[in-house]
Amino acid sequence: MPTAKLHFKEIDLVIYFPTSGNEDRNHLKYGVAFRARRTGESQPGIRINLEDVLSKPEIKEHYPHTVAYFVNASGRGINYEPEYVETRTIENLQELLRFLGDRRI
């Protein structure tokens, strides 16, 4: 199974969920990688906890967000085109965690 990706569309930030290593963990404790596509910022190592990414001010202080789950994307830069499986507007952290649970990420 390919790595799951969650795109925060308005801020163009992608969170990458690995296919293994998060079994039996609370979603907030998942080890993830991320890339803020506008700024080029990414995690300071191989993985960080999802809660650390979600505490970033651009996420935490700016709900609602439009998030989209995808598996594959093509292109780079302005030609970046994810093939979204599902898109949802979320109003708060609890809705985001429900969305992750619904997708079984």
C-alpha atoms as a PDB file:
ATOM      1  CA  MET A   1       0.000   0.000   0.000  1.00  0.00           C
ATOM      2  CA  PRO A   2       1.427   3.427  -0.940  1.00  0.00           C
ATOM      3  CA  THR A   3       2.077   6.093   1.660  1.00  0.00           C
ATOM      4  CA  ALA A   4      -1.063   8.065   2.535  1.00  0.00           C
ATOM      5  CA  LYS A   5      -0.834  11.826   2.140  1.00  0.00           C
ATOM      6  CA  LEU A   6      -2.998  14.544   3.652  1.00  0.00           C
ATOM      7  CA  HIS A   7      -2.965  17.905   1.884  1.00  0.00           C
ATOM      8  CA  PHE A   8      -3.955  21.099   3.704  1.00  0.00           C
ATOM      9  CA  LYS A   9      -4.997  22.827   0.513  1.00  0.00           C
ATOM     10  CA  GLU A  10      -5.134  26.511   1.522  1.00  0.00           C
ATOM     11  CA  ILE A  11      -1.681  26.501   3.101  1.00  0.00           C
ATOM     12  CA  ASP A  12      -0.254  23.879   0.695  1.00  0.00           C
ATOM     13  CA  LEU A  13       1.161  21.630   3.416  1.00  0.00           C
ATOM     14  CA  VAL A  14       1.344  17.872   2.928  1.00  0.00           C
ATOM     15  CA  ILE A  15       1.588  15.327   5.758  1.00  0.00           C
ATOM     16  CA  TYR A  16       2.962  11.910   4.818  1.00  0.00           C
ATOM     17  CA  PHE A  17       1.792   8.856   6.780  1.00  0.00           C
ATOM     18  CA  PRO A  18       4.096   5.824   6.442  1.00  0.00           C
ATOM     19  CA  THR A  19       2.600   2.439   5.657  1.00  0.00           C
ATOM     20  CA  SER A  20       3.945   0.897   8.855  1.00  0.00           C
ATOM     21  CA  GLY A  21       5.235   1.851  12.279  1.00  0.00           C
ATOM     22  CA  ASN A  22       2.111   3.533  13.660  1.00  0.00           C
ATOM     23  CA  GLU A  23       0.101   0.450  14.528  1.00  0.00           C
ATOM     24  CA  ASP A  24      -1.759   0.726  17.850  1.00  0.00           C
ATOM     25  CA  ARG A  25      -0.798   4.393  18.335  1.00  0.00           C
ATOM     26  CA  ASN A  26      -3.096   7.287  19.036  1.00  0.00           C
ATOM     27  CA  HIS A  27      -3.377   9.412  15.870  1.00  0.00           C
ATOM     28  CA  LEU A  28      -1.654  12.367  17.554  1.00  0.00           C
ATOM     29  CA  LYS A  29       1.372  10.185  18.308  1.00  0.00           C
ATOM     30  CA  TYR A  30       1.746   8.906  14.734  1.00  0.00           C
ATOM     31  CA  GLY A  31       5.219   9.349  13.307  1.00  0.00           C
ATOM     32  CA  VAL A  32       4.856  11.416  10.130  1.00  0.00           C
ATOM     33  CA  ALA A  33       6.822  13.522   7.692  1.00  0.00           C
ATOM     34  CA  PHE A  34       5.600  16.826   6.260  1.00  0.00           C
ATOM     35  CA  ARG A  35       6.426  19.386   3.624  1.00  0.00           C
ATOM     36  CA  ALA A  36       5.194  22.957   3.530  1.00  0.00           C
ATOM     37  CA  ARG A  37       5.262  23.348  -0.232  1.00  0.00           C
ATOM     38  CA  ARG A  38       5.163  27.165  -0.249  1.00  0.00           C
ATOM     39  CA  THR A  39       8.096  27.632   2.121  1.00  0.00           C
ATOM     40  CA  GLY A  40      10.003  24.404   1.565  1.00  0.00           C
ATOM     41  CA  GLU A  41       9.972  23.652   5.306  1.00  0.00           C
ATOM     42  CA  SER A  42       9.951  20.016   6.375  1.00  0.00           C
ATOM     43  CA  GLN A  43      10.446  18.012   9.543  1.00  0.00           C
ATOM     44  CA  PRO A  44      13.858  18.244  11.234  1.00  0.00           C
ATOM     45  CA  GLY A  45      14.602  14.527  10.916  1.00  0.00           C
ATOM     46  CA  ILE A  46      13.078  11.351   9.595  1.00  0.00           C
ATOM     47  CA  ARG A  47       9.713  11.599  11.406  1.00  0.00           C
ATOM     48  CA  ILE A  48       7.986  13.729  14.001  1.00  0.00           C
ATOM     49  CA  ASN A  49       4.705  13.251  15.842  1.00  0.00           C
ATOM     50  CA  LEU A  50       1.545  14.296  14.056  1.00  0.00           C
ATOM     51  CA  GLU A  51       0.610  16.484  17.042  1.00  0.00           C
ATOM     52  CA  ASP A  52       3.792  18.527  16.478  1.00  0.00           C
ATOM     53  CA  VAL A  53       2.778  19.232  12.887  1.00  0.00           C
ATOM     54  CA  LEU A  54      -0.808  20.057  13.888  1.00  0.00           C
ATOM     55  CA  SER A  55       0.447  22.509  16.512  1.00  0.00           C
ATOM     56  CA  LYS A  56       2.081  24.663  13.830  1.00  0.00           C
ATOM     57  CA  PRO A  57       0.427  28.106  13.944  1.00  0.00           C
ATOM     58  CA  GLU A  58      -0.635  27.989  10.276  1.00  0.00           C
ATOM     59  CA  ILE A  59      -2.722  24.919  11.119  1.00  0.00           C
ATOM     60  CA  LYS A  60      -3.717  25.406  14.747  1.00  0.00           C
ATOM     61  CA  GLU A  61      -4.716  29.066  14.484  1.00  0.00           C
ATOM     62  CA  HIS A  62      -6.464  29.071  11.108  1.00  0.00           C
ATOM     63  CA  TYR A  63      -9.377  26.636  11.108  1.00  0.00           C
ATOM     64  CA  PRO A  64     -11.369  25.809   9.048  1.00  0.00           C
ATOM     65  CA  HIS A  65      -9.077  23.967   6.633  1.00  0.00           C
ATOM     66  CA  THR A  66      -9.839  22.119   3.458  1.00  0.00           C
ATOM     67  CA  VAL A  67      -7.982  18.831   3.671  1.00  0.00           C
ATOM     68  CA  ALA A  68      -7.725  16.165   1.036  1.00  0.00           C
ATOM     69  CA  TYR A  69      -6.481  12.613   1.282  1.00  0.00           C
ATOM     70  CA  PHE A  70      -4.540  11.269  -1.684  1.00  0.00           C
ATOM     71  CA  VAL A  71      -2.217   8.427  -2.564  1.00  0.00           C
ATOM     72  CA  ASN A  72      -0.573   9.533  -5.814  1.00  0.00           C
ATOM     73  CA  ALA A  73       0.434  12.872  -7.286  1.00  0.00           C
ATOM     74  CA  SER A  74       2.057  13.866 -10.519  1.00  0.00           C
ATOM     75  CA  GLY A  75       4.289  16.786 -11.384  1.00  0.00           C
ATOM     76  CA  ARG A  76       6.276  19.241  -9.303  1.00  0.00           C
ATOM     77  CA  GLY A  77       5.985  22.915  -8.452  1.00  0.00           C
ATOM     78  CA  ILE A  78       3.062  24.561 -10.229  1.00  0.00           C
ATOM     79  CA  ASN A  79       2.415  21.296 -12.102  1.00  0.00           C
ATOM     80  CA  TYR A  80       1.775  19.408  -8.835  1.00  0.00           C
ATOM     81  CA  GLU A  81      -1.540  17.577  -9.250  1.00  0.00           C
ATOM     82  CA  PRO A  82      -2.656  15.169  -6.530  1.00  0.00           C
ATOM     83  CA  GLU A  83      -5.309  12.610  -7.365  1.00  0.00           C
ATOM     84  CA  TYR A  84      -7.594  13.207  -4.379  1.00  0.00           C
ATOM     85  CA  VAL A  85      -9.525  10.294  -2.917  1.00  0.00           C
ATOM     86  CA  GLU A  86     -11.571  12.484  -0.569  1.00  0.00           C
ATOM     87  CA  THR A  87     -11.761  16.175   0.294  1.00  0.00           C
ATOM     88  CA  ARG A  88     -13.345  17.602   3.422  1.00  0.00           C
ATOM     89  CA  THR A  89     -13.599  20.955   5.186  1.00  0.00           C
ATOM     90  CA  ILE A  90     -12.718  20.580   8.848  1.00  0.00           C
ATOM     91  CA  GLU A  91     -13.588  23.083  11.547  1.00  0.00           C
ATOM     92  CA  ASN A  92     -11.294  21.913  14.362  1.00  0.00           C
ATOM     93  CA  LEU A  93      -8.804  19.315  15.547  1.00  0.00           C
ATOM     94  CA  GLN A  94     -11.510  16.850  16.595  1.00  0.00           C
ATOM     95  CA  GLU A  95     -12.974  16.834  13.075  1.00  0.00           C
ATOM     96  CA  LEU A  96      -9.523  16.275  11.634  1.00  0.00           C
ATOM     97  CA  LEU A  97      -8.936  13.295  13.932  1.00  0.00           C
ATOM     98  CA  ARG A  98     -12.342  11.870  12.942  1.00  0.00           C
ATOM     99  CA  PHE A  99     -11.397  12.286   9.284  1.00  0.00           C
ATOM    100  CA  LEU A 100      -8.148  10.373   9.854  1.00  0.00           C
ATOM    101  CA  GLY A 101     -10.073   7.642  11.690  1.00  0.00           C
ATOM    102  CA  ASP A 102     -12.670   7.431   8.906  1.00  0.00           C
ATOM    103  CA  ARG A 103      -9.872   6.994   6.350  1.00  0.00           C
ATOM    104  CA  ARG A 104      -8.060   4.495   8.599  1.00  0.00           C
ATOM    105  CA  ILE A 105      -4.818   6.370   8.151  1.00  0.00           C
END
